[in-house]
């Protein structure tokens, strides 16, 4: 009976480790995705402001 408990405990620990690694990977992926989108949106906003500024310069000429 003791061997059975030891094997079950080892399998349980292995499964917990795998789930922890997968969970951390998914969390990192989601955070990275949102950060990337945020940075791209900042880049788009900066370019839009530059276009607006240049458009105003062209209109004044």
Protein backbone atom coordinates (compact mmCIF):
# COMPACT_ATOMS: atom_id res chain seq x y z
CA UNK A 1 0.00 0.00 0.00
CA UNK A 2 2.84 2.39 0.73
CA UNK A 3 4.33 1.94 -2.77
CA UNK A 4 0.96 2.75 -4.30
CA UNK A 5 0.72 6.01 -2.33
CA UNK A 6 4.26 6.97 -3.33
CA UNK A 7 3.52 6.41 -7.03
CA UNK A 8 0.28 8.37 -6.82
CA UNK A 9 2.07 11.23 -5.04
CA UNK A 10 4.81 11.34 -7.70
CA UNK A 11 2.25 11.38 -10.52
CA UNK A 12 0.28 14.08 -8.74
CA UNK A 13 3.40 16.24 -8.36
CA UNK A 14 4.31 15.70 -12.02
CA UNK A 15 0.84 16.76 -13.14
CA UNK A 16 0.96 19.84 -10.90
CA UNK A 17 4.33 20.79 -12.36
CA UNK A 18 3.08 20.42 -15.92
CA UNK A 19 -0.03 22.47 -15.18
CA UNK A 20 2.08 25.18 -13.53
CA UNK A 21 4.38 25.44 -16.55
CA UNK A 22 1.44 25.53 -18.98
CA UNK A 23 -0.35 28.13 -16.83
CA UNK A 24 2.71 30.39 -16.68
CA UNK A 25 3.18 30.06 -20.45
CA UNK A 26 -0.44 31.00 -21.16
CA UNK A 27 -0.28 33.95 -18.75
CA UNK A 28 2.94 35.20 -20.34
CA UNK A 29 1.49 34.82 -23.82
CA UNK A 30 -1.66 36.78 -22.94
CA UNK A 31 0.30 39.57 -21.25
CA UNK A 32 2.71 39.76 -24.18
CA UNK A 33 -0.17 39.93 -26.65
CA UNK A 34 -1.81 42.85 -24.85
CA UNK A 35 1.49 44.72 -24.43
CA UNK A 36 2.24 44.29 -28.12
CA UNK A 37 -1.19 45.63 -29.09
CA UNK A 38 -0.77 48.59 -26.72
CA UNK A 39 2.62 49.47 -28.22
CA UNK A 40 1.27 49.19 -31.76
CA UNK A 41 -1.66 51.46 -30.89
CA UNK A 42 0.77 54.05 -29.49
CA UNK A 43 2.73 53.86 -32.73
CA UNK A 44 -0.44 54.36 -34.79
CA UNK A 45 -1.46 57.35 -32.65
CA UNK A 46 1.97 58.93 -33.07
CA UNK A 47 1.84 58.48 -36.84
CA UNK A 48 -1.69 59.93 -36.99
CA UNK A 49 -0.54 63.00 -35.07
CA UNK A 50 2.42 63.41 -37.42
CA UNK A 51 0.15 63.15 -40.48
CA UNK A 52 -2.23 65.72 -38.96
CA UNK A 53 0.67 68.10 -38.26
CA UNK A 54 2.07 67.70 -41.77
CA UNK A 55 -1.42 68.15 -43.28
CA UNK A 56 -1.75 71.45 -41.44
CA UNK A 57 1.63 72.57 -42.80
CA UNK A 58 0.59 71.71 -46.35
CA UNK A 59 -2.74 73.51 -45.94
CA UNK A 60 -1.00 76.70 -44.77
CA UNK A 61 1.20 76.79 -47.87
